[in-house]
Amino acid sequence: MRRTRVSISSADRPFGDDLRRILAVDSSLGILDEDDRTPAAADVLLLDSRTSGAVESCARVSTKRGPRVILVAAPENEAWAVDALAAGARGVVPRRASAVDLLQAVRTVGAGDVWAPRHVLVAALLKNAGLSGGKGDAPLAAVRLTGRERQVFRYAAAGLPNRELAERLSISEATVKAHLTHIFQKLGVRGRAKLAAAYHRVPAPAPERASVRRARRPA
């Protein structure tokens, strides 16, 4: 199997050397030398986000069908990361990310997927769904949800568990549960599956029949 060819672009030489040392532990990755750093040579480009115009570079590279860009040393700024993905970046690795995260990002992006912290991916998904006027707002118009309840509704429908939802909104898990209780009551639904179905305006999954459950029990 051909190795994923990785190029590194950073004006910070010690930082670049650290990246090479981390990548060197994975034999499936091939680190390109200085002379081989051309768009045609690399599969993945690790671009230092501190580079001037780094986000704009993602758009140029993706337009030219160059390597898939991963922005490394990214700021802890969700809006920035979402904009970077929208601009064409295929990965966003925060400054405090571990070596394991970096390797996973390179493998994931090298395989053709997108890698970023989960909360960033969720935010990007919700933005792409058009939260300010997309189909997800239709159920909200029919009931009187508070602003906070709308936030909880949207993130719960996206699949965030209570703990992550609480961290995302800087509230306690108890507060999340209280908001969810009010949302369930106002929408007239029970359970996360029906909540998500209400948000996305799709049929809720049918409950499993008792006879099927009994049939699956071991004899």
N, C-alpha and C. Protein backbone atom coordinates (compact mmCIF):
# COMPACT_ATOMS: atom_id res chain seq x y z
N MET A 1 0.85 -1.19 0.00
CA MET A 1 0.00 0.00 0.00
C MET A 1 0.88 1.24 0.00
N ARG A 2 0.54 2.20 -0.87
CA ARG A 2 1.36 3.39 -0.99
C ARG A 2 1.24 4.26 0.26
N ARG A 3 2.35 4.79 0.69
CA ARG A 3 2.35 5.63 1.87
C ARG A 3 1.74 7.00 1.56
N THR A 4 1.14 7.60 2.58
CA THR A 4 0.61 8.96 2.45
C THR A 4 1.78 9.92 2.51
N ARG A 5 1.94 10.72 1.47
CA ARG A 5 3.06 11.66 1.41
C ARG A 5 2.67 12.97 2.08
N VAL A 6 3.48 13.37 3.05
CA VAL A 6 3.15 14.53 3.87
C VAL A 6 4.21 15.61 3.71
N SER A 7 3.77 16.83 3.46
CA SER A 7 4.66 17.99 3.38
C SER A 7 4.36 18.91 4.56
N ILE A 8 5.38 19.58 5.05
CA ILE A 8 5.24 20.48 6.20
C ILE A 8 5.67 21.88 5.79
N SER A 9 4.83 22.85 6.09
CA SER A 9 5.13 24.24 5.77
C SER A 9 5.01 25.10 7.02
N SER A 10 6.16 25.54 7.53
CA SER A 10 6.19 26.40 8.72
C SER A 10 7.49 27.18 8.74
N ALA A 11 7.39 28.46 9.07
CA ALA A 11 8.58 29.29 9.21
C ALA A 11 9.28 29.04 10.53
N ASP A 12 8.61 28.33 11.43
CA ASP A 12 9.16 27.99 12.75
C ASP A 12 9.87 26.65 12.62
N ARG A 13 11.20 26.69 12.41
CA ARG A 13 11.94 25.46 12.15
C ARG A 13 11.86 24.45 13.31
N PRO A 14 12.04 24.87 14.57
CA PRO A 14 11.91 23.90 15.66
C PRO A 14 10.53 23.24 15.68
N PHE A 15 9.50 24.01 15.40
CA PHE A 15 8.15 23.46 15.36
C PHE A 15 8.03 22.44 14.23
N GLY A 16 8.58 22.77 13.07
CA GLY A 16 8.55 21.84 11.94
C GLY A 16 9.30 20.56 12.25
N ASP A 17 10.43 20.69 12.94
CA ASP A 17 11.20 19.50 13.31
C ASP A 17 10.41 18.62 14.27
N ASP A 18 9.67 19.25 15.19
CA ASP A 18 8.85 18.48 16.12
C ASP A 18 7.77 17.69 15.36
N LEU A 19 7.19 18.33 14.36
CA LEU A 19 6.18 17.64 13.55
C LEU A 19 6.77 16.43 12.84
N ARG A 20 7.97 16.60 12.29
CA ARG A 20 8.61 15.49 11.59
C ARG A 20 8.90 14.33 12.53
N ARG A 21 9.33 14.63 13.74
CA ARG A 21 9.63 13.57 14.70
C ARG A 21 8.36 12.79 15.06
N ILE A 22 7.26 13.51 15.18
CA ILE A 22 6.00 12.84 15.51
C ILE A 22 5.56 11.95 14.36
N LEU A 23 5.61 12.47 13.14
CA LEU A 23 5.15 11.72 11.97
C LEU A 23 6.04 10.52 11.68
N ALA A 24 7.30 10.61 12.06
CA ALA A 24 8.27 9.55 11.73
C ALA A 24 7.95 8.22 12.40
N VAL A 25 7.13 8.24 13.46
CA VAL A 25 6.82 6.99 14.16
C VAL A 25 5.83 6.14 13.39
N ASP A 26 5.15 6.72 12.38
CA ASP A 26 4.15 6.00 11.61
C ASP A 26 4.74 5.65 10.24
N SER A 27 4.99 4.38 10.01
CA SER A 27 5.62 3.94 8.76
C SER A 27 4.72 4.11 7.54
N SER A 28 3.41 4.35 7.78
CA SER A 28 2.51 4.54 6.65
C SER A 28 2.57 5.95 6.09
N LEU A 29 3.34 6.81 6.77
CA LEU A 29 3.46 8.20 6.34
C LEU A 29 4.85 8.45 5.77
N GLY A 30 4.91 9.13 4.66
CA GLY A 30 6.18 9.49 4.05
C GLY A 30 6.37 10.99 4.11
N ILE A 31 7.39 11.46 4.83
CA ILE A 31 7.64 12.88 4.99
C ILE A 31 8.52 13.37 3.85
N LEU A 32 8.05 14.33 3.09
CA LEU A 32 8.79 14.82 1.94
C LEU A 32 9.94 15.72 2.38
N ASP A 33 11.03 15.66 1.63
CA ASP A 33 12.17 16.52 1.89
C ASP A 33 11.89 17.93 1.41
N GLU A 34 12.78 18.85 1.74
CA GLU A 34 12.61 20.24 1.34
C GLU A 34 12.43 20.38 -0.16
N ASP A 35 13.20 19.64 -0.95
CA ASP A 35 13.16 19.78 -2.40
C ASP A 35 11.91 19.18 -3.03
N ASP A 36 11.17 18.37 -2.26
CA ASP A 36 9.99 17.69 -2.82
C ASP A 36 8.68 18.38 -2.47
N ARG A 37 8.76 19.54 -1.84
CA ARG A 37 7.55 20.20 -1.34
C ARG A 37 6.84 20.97 -2.45
N THR A 38 6.27 20.26 -3.36
CA THR A 38 5.46 20.86 -4.41
C THR A 38 4.05 20.32 -4.30
N PRO A 39 3.04 21.09 -4.71
CA PRO A 39 1.66 20.63 -4.58
C PRO A 39 1.42 19.27 -5.21
N ALA A 40 2.15 18.97 -6.31
CA ALA A 40 1.93 17.70 -6.99
C ALA A 40 2.53 16.53 -6.23
N ALA A 41 3.50 16.80 -5.36
CA ALA A 41 4.22 15.71 -4.69
C ALA A 41 3.52 15.21 -3.44
N ALA A 42 2.81 16.10 -2.74
CA ALA A 42 2.24 15.74 -1.44
C ALA A 42 0.77 15.34 -1.53
N ASP A 43 0.38 14.43 -0.64
CA ASP A 43 -1.03 14.08 -0.47
C ASP A 43 -1.66 14.97 0.60
N VAL A 44 -0.86 15.26 1.63
CA VAL A 44 -1.33 16.07 2.75
C VAL A 44 -0.29 17.15 3.04
N LEU A 45 -0.77 18.37 3.25
CA LEU A 45 0.11 19.48 3.61
C LEU A 45 -0.23 19.94 5.02
N LEU A 46 0.77 19.88 5.91
CA LEU A 46 0.61 20.43 7.25
C LEU A 46 1.03 21.89 7.18
N LEU A 47 0.08 22.79 7.29
CA LEU A 47 0.35 24.22 7.17
C LEU A 47 0.22 24.89 8.52
N ASP A 48 1.28 25.55 8.93
CA ASP A 48 1.28 26.28 10.20
C ASP A 48 0.23 27.39 10.11
N SER A 49 -0.76 27.36 10.99
CA SER A 49 -1.84 28.34 10.94
C SER A 49 -1.36 29.74 11.29
N ARG A 50 -0.16 29.84 11.87
CA ARG A 50 0.39 31.15 12.20
C ARG A 50 0.97 31.84 10.98
N THR A 51 1.04 31.12 9.87
CA THR A 51 1.53 31.69 8.62
C THR A 51 0.54 32.73 8.10
N SER A 52 1.04 33.87 7.65
CA SER A 52 0.18 34.91 7.12
C SER A 52 -0.65 34.38 5.94
N GLY A 53 -1.96 34.58 6.00
CA GLY A 53 -2.84 34.13 4.92
C GLY A 53 -3.02 32.64 4.86
N ALA A 54 -2.86 31.95 6.00
CA ALA A 54 -2.97 30.49 6.01
C ALA A 54 -4.35 30.01 5.56
N VAL A 55 -5.41 30.62 6.07
CA VAL A 55 -6.76 30.19 5.70
C VAL A 55 -7.02 30.44 4.23
N GLU A 56 -6.58 31.59 3.73
CA GLU A 56 -6.75 31.90 2.31
C GLU A 56 -6.00 30.91 1.43
N SER A 57 -4.87 30.42 1.93
CA SER A 57 -4.08 29.44 1.18
C SER A 57 -4.84 28.14 0.98
N CYS A 58 -5.69 27.79 1.95
CA CYS A 58 -6.48 26.56 1.83
C CYS A 58 -7.37 26.61 0.60
N ALA A 59 -7.98 27.76 0.37
CA ALA A 59 -8.87 27.92 -0.78
C ALA A 59 -8.09 27.81 -2.08
N ARG A 60 -6.91 28.42 -2.12
CA ARG A 60 -6.10 28.37 -3.35
C ARG A 60 -5.63 26.96 -3.65
N VAL A 61 -5.18 26.27 -2.62
CA VAL A 61 -4.66 24.92 -2.82
C VAL A 61 -5.77 23.97 -3.24
N SER A 62 -6.94 24.07 -2.59
CA SER A 62 -8.04 23.17 -2.93
C SER A 62 -8.56 23.44 -4.33
N THR A 63 -8.54 24.70 -4.75
CA THR A 63 -8.99 25.05 -6.10
C THR A 63 -8.06 24.44 -7.15
N LYS A 64 -6.77 24.41 -6.83
CA LYS A 64 -5.78 23.87 -7.76
C LYS A 64 -5.64 22.35 -7.66
N ARG A 65 -6.51 21.74 -6.88
CA ARG A 65 -6.44 20.29 -6.66
C ARG A 65 -5.09 19.85 -6.13
N GLY A 66 -4.60 20.66 -5.21
CA GLY A 66 -3.32 20.34 -4.58
C GLY A 66 -3.52 19.38 -3.43
N PRO A 67 -2.58 19.33 -2.50
CA PRO A 67 -2.69 18.41 -1.36
C PRO A 67 -3.83 18.85 -0.44
N ARG A 68 -4.32 17.90 0.35
CA ARG A 68 -5.33 18.22 1.36
C ARG A 68 -4.62 18.94 2.50
N VAL A 69 -5.15 20.09 2.88
CA VAL A 69 -4.47 20.94 3.87
C VAL A 69 -4.99 20.69 5.28
N ILE A 70 -4.04 20.49 6.20
CA ILE A 70 -4.35 20.44 7.63
C ILE A 70 -3.69 21.65 8.28
N LEU A 71 -4.48 22.49 8.92
CA LEU A 71 -3.95 23.65 9.63
C LEU A 71 -3.53 23.21 11.02
N VAL A 72 -2.25 23.32 11.32
CA VAL A 72 -1.73 22.91 12.62
C VAL A 72 -1.44 24.16 13.46
N ALA A 73 -1.28 23.95 14.76
CA ALA A 73 -1.09 25.04 15.71
C ALA A 73 -2.24 26.02 15.61
N ALA A 74 -3.43 25.49 15.40
CA ALA A 74 -4.62 26.33 15.21
C ALA A 74 -5.04 26.96 16.53
N PRO A 75 -5.57 28.18 16.48
CA PRO A 75 -6.03 28.84 17.71
C PRO A 75 -7.26 28.14 18.27
N GLU A 76 -7.46 28.29 19.58
CA GLU A 76 -8.63 27.70 20.23
C GLU A 76 -9.82 28.62 19.99
N ASN A 77 -10.24 28.68 18.75
CA ASN A 77 -11.31 29.59 18.34
C ASN A 77 -12.23 28.83 17.40
N GLU A 78 -13.40 28.48 17.88
CA GLU A 78 -14.31 27.64 17.10
C GLU A 78 -14.72 28.31 15.79
N ALA A 79 -15.04 29.61 15.85
CA ALA A 79 -15.48 30.32 14.65
C ALA A 79 -14.38 30.32 13.60
N TRP A 80 -13.14 30.51 14.04
CA TRP A 80 -11.99 30.49 13.13
C TRP A 80 -11.87 29.13 12.46
N ALA A 81 -12.00 28.07 13.26
CA ALA A 81 -11.85 26.72 12.73
C ALA A 81 -12.96 26.39 11.74
N VAL A 82 -14.19 26.81 12.03
CA VAL A 82 -15.31 26.57 11.12
C VAL A 82 -15.07 27.31 9.80
N ASP A 83 -14.59 28.54 9.89
CA ASP A 83 -14.29 29.30 8.67
C ASP A 83 -13.17 28.64 7.87
N ALA A 84 -12.19 28.08 8.57
CA ALA A 84 -11.08 27.41 7.89
C ALA A 84 -11.57 26.20 7.11
N LEU A 85 -12.46 25.42 7.71
CA LEU A 85 -13.03 24.27 7.01
C LEU A 85 -13.85 24.72 5.81
N ALA A 86 -14.59 25.81 5.99
CA ALA A 86 -15.40 26.33 4.89
C ALA A 86 -14.51 26.83 3.75
N ALA A 87 -13.30 27.29 4.10
CA ALA A 87 -12.38 27.81 3.09
C ALA A 87 -11.67 26.72 2.31
N GLY A 88 -11.75 25.49 2.79
CA GLY A 88 -11.12 24.40 2.06
C GLY A 88 -10.17 23.53 2.86
N ALA A 89 -9.89 23.90 4.12
CA ALA A 89 -9.04 23.06 4.96
C ALA A 89 -9.72 21.73 5.19
N ARG A 90 -8.95 20.65 5.20
CA ARG A 90 -9.51 19.32 5.46
C ARG A 90 -9.25 18.86 6.88
N GLY A 91 -8.46 19.64 7.61
CA GLY A 91 -8.17 19.30 8.99
C GLY A 91 -7.78 20.53 9.78
N VAL A 92 -8.11 20.54 11.06
CA VAL A 92 -7.74 21.62 11.97
C VAL A 92 -7.23 20.98 13.25
N VAL A 93 -5.96 21.19 13.54
CA VAL A 93 -5.34 20.61 14.74
C VAL A 93 -4.95 21.74 15.69
N PRO A 94 -5.60 21.85 16.85
CA PRO A 94 -5.32 22.93 17.79
C PRO A 94 -3.90 22.89 18.34
N ARG A 95 -3.47 24.01 18.86
CA ARG A 95 -2.11 24.13 19.40
C ARG A 95 -1.83 23.12 20.51
N ARG A 96 -2.84 22.85 21.32
CA ARG A 96 -2.64 21.95 22.47
C ARG A 96 -2.94 20.50 22.14
N ALA A 97 -3.12 20.19 20.88
CA ALA A 97 -3.43 18.80 20.50
C ALA A 97 -2.23 17.90 20.81
N SER A 98 -2.52 16.65 21.10
CA SER A 98 -1.47 15.68 21.39
C SER A 98 -0.87 15.12 20.11
N ALA A 99 0.24 14.40 20.26
CA ALA A 99 0.86 13.74 19.11
C ALA A 99 -0.09 12.71 18.51
N VAL A 100 -0.85 12.05 19.38
CA VAL A 100 -1.82 11.06 18.91
C VAL A 100 -2.87 11.73 18.02
N ASP A 101 -3.33 12.92 18.44
CA ASP A 101 -4.32 13.65 17.65
C ASP A 101 -3.74 14.05 16.29
N LEU A 102 -2.50 14.49 16.28
CA LEU A 102 -1.87 14.89 15.02
C LEU A 102 -1.78 13.71 14.06
N LEU A 103 -1.33 12.58 14.55
CA LEU A 103 -1.21 11.40 13.70
C LEU A 103 -2.59 10.96 13.19
N GLN A 104 -3.59 11.00 14.07
CA GLN A 104 -4.94 10.63 13.65
C GLN A 104 -5.46 11.58 12.59
N ALA A 105 -5.15 12.86 12.74
CA ALA A 105 -5.59 13.85 11.76
C ALA A 105 -4.98 13.57 10.39
N VAL A 106 -3.69 13.27 10.37
CA VAL A 106 -3.01 13.01 9.10
C VAL A 106 -3.56 11.74 8.45
N ARG A 107 -3.76 10.71 9.23
CA ARG A 107 -4.30 9.46 8.68
C ARG A 107 -5.71 9.68 8.13
N THR A 108 -6.52 10.41 8.90
CA THR A 108 -7.92 10.63 8.51
C THR A 108 -8.00 11.46 7.24
N VAL A 109 -7.27 12.55 7.20
CA VAL A 109 -7.30 13.42 6.02
C VAL A 109 -6.65 12.72 4.83
N GLY A 110 -5.60 11.95 5.09
CA GLY A 110 -4.95 11.20 4.01
C GLY A 110 -5.88 10.20 3.38
N ALA A 111 -6.85 9.69 4.16
CA ALA A 111 -7.81 8.72 3.66
C ALA A 111 -8.98 9.40 2.95
N GLY A 112 -8.97 10.74 2.93
CA GLY A 112 -10.02 11.46 2.22
C GLY A 112 -11.12 12.04 3.08
N ASP A 113 -10.99 11.91 4.40
CA ASP A 113 -12.01 12.43 5.30
C ASP A 113 -11.57 13.76 5.90
N VAL A 114 -12.37 14.29 6.81
CA VAL A 114 -12.09 15.56 7.48
C VAL A 114 -11.83 15.29 8.96
N TRP A 115 -10.85 16.00 9.53
CA TRP A 115 -10.55 15.83 10.94
C TRP A 115 -10.54 17.20 11.62
N ALA A 116 -11.21 17.28 12.75
CA ALA A 116 -11.21 18.47 13.60
C ALA A 116 -11.80 18.06 14.93
N PRO A 117 -11.60 18.86 15.98
CA PRO A 117 -12.26 18.54 17.24
C PRO A 117 -13.76 18.40 17.05
N ARG A 118 -14.37 17.53 17.82
CA ARG A 118 -15.78 17.22 17.61
C ARG A 118 -16.67 18.45 17.65
N HIS A 119 -16.42 19.35 18.61
CA HIS A 119 -17.30 20.52 18.73
C HIS A 119 -17.19 21.41 17.50
N VAL A 120 -16.02 21.40 16.85
CA VAL A 120 -15.85 22.18 15.62
C VAL A 120 -16.65 21.54 14.48
N LEU A 121 -16.58 20.22 14.38
CA LEU A 121 -17.33 19.53 13.33
C LEU A 121 -18.83 19.73 13.51
N VAL A 122 -19.29 19.69 14.77
CA VAL A 122 -20.71 19.91 15.04
C VAL A 122 -21.11 21.32 14.64
N ALA A 123 -20.27 22.31 15.01
CA ALA A 123 -20.57 23.70 14.67
C ALA A 123 -20.60 23.89 13.16
N ALA A 124 -19.67 23.24 12.46
CA ALA A 124 -19.64 23.35 11.00
C ALA A 124 -20.88 22.70 10.39
N LEU A 125 -21.29 21.57 10.95
CA LEU A 125 -22.49 20.88 10.46
C LEU A 125 -23.72 21.75 10.64
N LEU A 126 -23.85 22.35 11.81
CA LEU A 126 -25.00 23.20 12.09
C LEU A 126 -24.99 24.45 11.21
N LYS A 127 -23.83 25.00 10.97
CA LYS A 127 -23.74 26.17 10.10
C LYS A 127 -24.14 25.80 8.68
N ASN A 128 -23.67 24.66 8.21
CA ASN A 128 -24.02 24.22 6.85
C ASN A 128 -25.51 23.92 6.73
N ALA A 129 -26.13 23.54 7.85
CA ALA A 129 -27.56 23.25 7.82
C ALA A 129 -28.40 24.51 7.78
N GLY A 130 -27.75 25.67 7.97
CA GLY A 130 -28.45 26.94 7.89
C GLY A 130 -29.30 27.21 9.11
N LEU A 131 -28.65 27.37 10.26
CA LEU A 131 -29.39 27.55 11.50
C LEU A 131 -30.17 28.86 11.55
N SER A 132 -29.76 29.86 10.75
CA SER A 132 -30.43 31.14 10.81
C SER A 132 -31.66 31.18 9.91
N GLY A 133 -31.94 30.09 9.21
CA GLY A 133 -33.11 30.12 8.35
C GLY A 133 -33.32 28.84 7.61
N GLY A 134 -32.69 27.76 8.08
CA GLY A 134 -32.81 26.48 7.39
C GLY A 134 -34.03 25.71 7.84
N LYS A 135 -34.11 24.48 7.36
CA LYS A 135 -35.29 23.68 7.66
C LYS A 135 -35.42 23.38 9.14
N GLY A 136 -34.27 23.41 9.87
CA GLY A 136 -34.33 23.12 11.29
C GLY A 136 -35.10 24.16 12.08
N ASP A 137 -35.33 25.36 11.51
CA ASP A 137 -36.04 26.39 12.24
C ASP A 137 -37.55 26.22 12.15
N ALA A 138 -38.04 25.40 11.24
CA ALA A 138 -39.48 25.26 11.06
C ALA A 138 -40.17 24.77 12.33
N PRO A 139 -39.66 23.71 13.02
CA PRO A 139 -40.31 23.27 14.24
C PRO A 139 -40.28 24.34 15.32
N LEU A 140 -39.22 25.18 15.32
CA LEU A 140 -39.10 26.19 16.34
C LEU A 140 -40.17 27.25 16.23
N ALA A 141 -40.62 27.50 14.99
CA ALA A 141 -41.63 28.54 14.79
C ALA A 141 -42.98 28.13 15.36
N ALA A 142 -43.18 26.84 15.52
CA ALA A 142 -44.49 26.35 15.97
C ALA A 142 -44.64 26.34 17.48
N VAL A 143 -43.55 26.49 18.21
CA VAL A 143 -43.61 26.46 19.66
C VAL A 143 -42.85 27.65 20.23
N ARG A 144 -43.10 27.93 21.47
CA ARG A 144 -42.43 29.06 22.12
C ARG A 144 -41.23 28.57 22.92
N LEU A 145 -40.09 28.48 22.25
CA LEU A 145 -38.86 28.10 22.93
C LEU A 145 -38.06 29.36 23.24
N THR A 146 -37.41 29.36 24.39
CA THR A 146 -36.53 30.47 24.72
C THR A 146 -35.26 30.38 23.88
N GLY A 147 -34.48 31.43 23.89
CA GLY A 147 -33.24 31.42 23.13
C GLY A 147 -32.31 30.29 23.55
N ARG A 148 -32.20 30.08 24.86
CA ARG A 148 -31.34 29.00 25.36
C ARG A 148 -31.90 27.64 25.00
N GLU A 149 -33.21 27.50 25.07
CA GLU A 149 -33.83 26.23 24.69
C GLU A 149 -33.58 25.92 23.22
N ARG A 150 -33.58 26.93 22.39
CA ARG A 150 -33.29 26.71 20.97
C ARG A 150 -31.87 26.19 20.79
N GLN A 151 -30.93 26.77 21.54
CA GLN A 151 -29.55 26.30 21.46
C GLN A 151 -29.44 24.85 21.89
N VAL A 152 -30.05 24.53 23.01
CA VAL A 152 -30.01 23.15 23.52
C VAL A 152 -30.67 22.22 22.52
N PHE A 153 -31.81 22.62 21.97
CA PHE A 153 -32.53 21.82 20.98
C PHE A 153 -31.64 21.49 19.79
N ARG A 154 -30.97 22.49 19.26
CA ARG A 154 -30.15 22.29 18.07
C ARG A 154 -28.98 21.36 18.33
N TYR A 155 -28.27 21.57 19.44
CA TYR A 155 -27.11 20.73 19.72
C TYR A 155 -27.51 19.33 20.15
N ALA A 156 -28.61 19.19 20.86
CA ALA A 156 -29.09 17.86 21.23
C ALA A 156 -29.50 17.09 19.98
N ALA A 157 -30.15 17.77 19.03
CA ALA A 157 -30.56 17.13 17.79
C ALA A 157 -29.36 16.73 16.95
N ALA A 158 -28.23 17.42 17.14
CA ALA A 158 -27.01 17.08 16.40
C ALA A 158 -26.27 15.90 17.02
N GLY A 159 -26.75 15.45 18.19
CA GLY A 159 -26.16 14.25 18.79
C GLY A 159 -25.24 14.47 19.96
N LEU A 160 -25.07 15.71 20.42
CA LEU A 160 -24.18 15.96 21.55
C LEU A 160 -24.77 15.39 22.83
N PRO A 161 -24.01 14.62 23.60
CA PRO A 161 -24.49 14.15 24.90
C PRO A 161 -24.56 15.33 25.87
N ASN A 162 -25.25 15.13 26.99
CA ASN A 162 -25.47 16.22 27.93
C ASN A 162 -24.18 16.87 28.41
N ARG A 163 -23.17 16.06 28.68
CA ARG A 163 -21.92 16.63 29.21
C ARG A 163 -21.28 17.58 28.20
N GLU A 164 -21.16 17.13 26.95
CA GLU A 164 -20.56 17.98 25.93
C GLU A 164 -21.42 19.20 25.64
N LEU A 165 -22.74 19.00 25.67
CA LEU A 165 -23.64 20.11 25.43
C LEU A 165 -23.48 21.17 26.52
N ALA A 166 -23.33 20.70 27.76
CA ALA A 166 -23.13 21.63 28.87
C ALA A 166 -21.84 22.41 28.72
N GLU A 167 -20.76 21.71 28.32
CA GLU A 167 -19.48 22.38 28.12
C GLU A 167 -19.57 23.38 26.97
N ARG A 168 -20.27 22.98 25.94
CA ARG A 168 -20.39 23.83 24.75
C ARG A 168 -21.09 25.14 25.07
N LEU A 169 -22.11 25.08 25.93
CA LEU A 169 -22.90 26.26 26.26
C LEU A 169 -22.50 26.88 27.60
N SER A 170 -21.47 26.30 28.25
CA SER A 170 -20.99 26.81 29.54
C SER A 170 -22.10 26.84 30.59
N ILE A 171 -22.84 25.75 30.66
CA ILE A 171 -23.87 25.60 31.68
C ILE A 171 -23.70 24.23 32.32
N SER A 172 -24.42 23.96 33.40
CA SER A 172 -24.30 22.68 34.08
C SER A 172 -25.13 21.61 33.39
N GLU A 173 -24.80 20.35 33.66
CA GLU A 173 -25.59 19.25 33.10
C GLU A 173 -27.01 19.27 33.64
N ALA A 174 -27.17 19.70 34.89
CA ALA A 174 -28.51 19.78 35.48
C ALA A 174 -29.35 20.80 34.72
N THR A 175 -28.73 21.90 34.32
CA THR A 175 -29.45 22.92 33.56
C THR A 175 -29.82 22.39 32.18
N VAL A 176 -28.91 21.62 31.57
CA VAL A 176 -29.19 21.02 30.27
C VAL A 176 -30.41 20.11 30.38
N LYS A 177 -30.44 19.28 31.42
CA LYS A 177 -31.56 18.35 31.61
C LYS A 177 -32.87 19.10 31.81
N ALA A 178 -32.80 20.22 32.54
CA ALA A 178 -34.01 21.01 32.77
C ALA A 178 -34.52 21.60 31.46
N HIS A 179 -33.61 22.11 30.65
CA HIS A 179 -34.00 22.66 29.36
C HIS A 179 -34.60 21.58 28.46
N LEU A 180 -33.99 20.40 28.47
CA LEU A 180 -34.49 19.31 27.64
C LEU A 180 -35.89 18.89 28.07
N THR A 181 -36.12 18.87 29.37
CA THR A 181 -37.45 18.52 29.87
C THR A 181 -38.50 19.50 29.34
N HIS A 182 -38.18 20.79 29.39
CA HIS A 182 -39.10 21.81 28.89
C HIS A 182 -39.31 21.66 27.38
N ILE A 183 -38.22 21.34 26.66
CA ILE A 183 -38.31 21.19 25.20
C ILE A 183 -39.18 19.99 24.84
N PHE A 184 -38.96 18.88 25.53
CA PHE A 184 -39.79 17.69 25.29
C PHE A 184 -41.27 18.01 25.51
N GLN A 185 -41.55 18.73 26.58
CA GLN A 185 -42.93 19.06 26.92
C GLN A 185 -43.54 19.97 25.86
N LYS A 186 -42.80 20.98 25.43
CA LYS A 186 -43.33 21.94 24.46
C LYS A 186 -43.52 21.32 23.08
N LEU A 187 -42.62 20.40 22.71
CA LEU A 187 -42.72 19.76 21.40
C LEU A 187 -43.65 18.55 21.42
N GLY A 188 -43.93 18.04 22.62
CA GLY A 188 -44.79 16.87 22.72
C GLY A 188 -44.11 15.60 22.26
N VAL A 189 -42.79 15.48 22.48
CA VAL A 189 -42.06 14.28 22.08
C VAL A 189 -41.33 13.72 23.29
N ARG A 190 -40.92 12.47 23.15
CA ARG A 190 -40.15 11.81 24.21
C ARG A 190 -38.96 11.13 23.58
N GLY A 191 -37.77 11.32 24.16
CA GLY A 191 -36.57 10.65 23.69
C GLY A 191 -35.78 11.46 22.67
N ARG A 192 -34.45 11.22 22.64
CA ARG A 192 -33.56 11.95 21.74
C ARG A 192 -33.86 11.67 20.27
N ALA A 193 -34.25 10.44 19.95
CA ALA A 193 -34.49 10.09 18.55
C ALA A 193 -35.64 10.92 17.98
N LYS A 194 -36.73 11.04 18.77
CA LYS A 194 -37.87 11.82 18.30
C LYS A 194 -37.55 13.31 18.31
N LEU A 195 -36.68 13.73 19.23
CA LEU A 195 -36.27 15.13 19.27
C LEU A 195 -35.51 15.49 17.99
N ALA A 196 -34.57 14.62 17.60
CA ALA A 196 -33.81 14.86 16.38
C ALA A 196 -34.71 14.81 15.16
N ALA A 197 -35.67 13.88 15.17
CA ALA A 197 -36.60 13.77 14.05
C ALA A 197 -37.43 15.04 13.92
N ALA A 198 -37.85 15.62 15.06
CA ALA A 198 -38.62 16.85 15.02
C ALA A 198 -37.80 17.99 14.46
N TYR A 199 -36.53 18.04 14.86
CA TYR A 199 -35.66 19.12 14.39
C TYR A 199 -35.41 19.02 12.89
N HIS A 200 -35.12 17.82 12.41
CA HIS A 200 -34.79 17.63 11.00
C HIS A 200 -36.01 17.37 10.12
N ARG A 201 -37.19 17.33 10.75
CA ARG A 201 -38.44 17.14 10.02
C ARG A 201 -38.44 15.84 9.22
N VAL A 202 -38.05 14.77 9.89
CA VAL A 202 -38.08 13.44 9.28
C VAL A 202 -38.89 12.53 10.19
N PRO A 203 -39.42 11.40 9.68
CA PRO A 203 -40.19 10.49 10.52
C PRO A 203 -39.34 9.92 11.64
N ALA A 204 -39.88 9.84 12.82
CA ALA A 204 -39.17 9.24 13.95
C ALA A 204 -39.09 7.73 13.75
N PRO A 205 -38.00 7.09 14.21
CA PRO A 205 -37.90 5.64 14.07
C PRO A 205 -38.99 4.94 14.84
N ALA A 206 -39.58 3.92 14.24
CA ALA A 206 -40.66 3.18 14.90
C ALA A 206 -40.10 2.37 16.05
N PRO A 207 -40.81 2.28 17.18
CA PRO A 207 -40.33 1.47 18.31
C PRO A 207 -40.32 0.00 17.94
N GLU A 208 -39.36 -0.71 18.50
CA GLU A 208 -39.24 -2.14 18.22
C GLU A 208 -40.38 -2.90 18.87
N ARG A 209 -40.94 -3.84 18.15
CA ARG A 209 -42.06 -4.62 18.70
C ARG A 209 -41.60 -5.56 19.80
N ALA A 210 -42.50 -5.78 20.75
CA ALA A 210 -42.15 -6.64 21.89
C ALA A 210 -41.82 -8.05 21.44
N SER A 211 -42.53 -8.54 20.41
CA SER A 211 -42.30 -9.91 19.96
C SER A 211 -40.91 -10.06 19.38
N VAL A 212 -40.40 -8.99 18.72
CA VAL A 212 -39.05 -9.05 18.17
C VAL A 212 -38.03 -9.07 19.28
N ARG A 213 -38.25 -8.24 20.30
CA ARG A 213 -37.31 -8.23 21.43
C ARG A 213 -37.26 -9.59 22.11
N ARG A 214 -38.42 -10.22 22.26
CA ARG A 214 -38.42 -11.54 22.91
C ARG A 214 -37.69 -12.57 22.05
N ALA A 215 -37.81 -12.42 20.73
CA ALA A 215 -37.18 -13.39 19.85
C ALA A 215 -35.67 -13.30 19.91
N ARG A 216 -35.14 -12.15 20.31
CA ARG A 216 -33.69 -11.97 20.34
C ARG A 216 -33.06 -12.43 21.63
N ARG A 217 -33.90 -12.73 22.63
CA ARG A 217 -33.34 -13.18 23.89
C ARG A 217 -32.77 -14.59 23.74
N PRO A 218 -31.66 -14.84 24.35
CA PRO A 218 -31.08 -16.19 24.27
C PRO A 218 -31.99 -17.21 24.92
N ALA A 219 -31.98 -18.38 24.36
CA ALA A 219 -32.84 -19.46 24.87
C ALA A 219 -32.36 -19.90 26.25
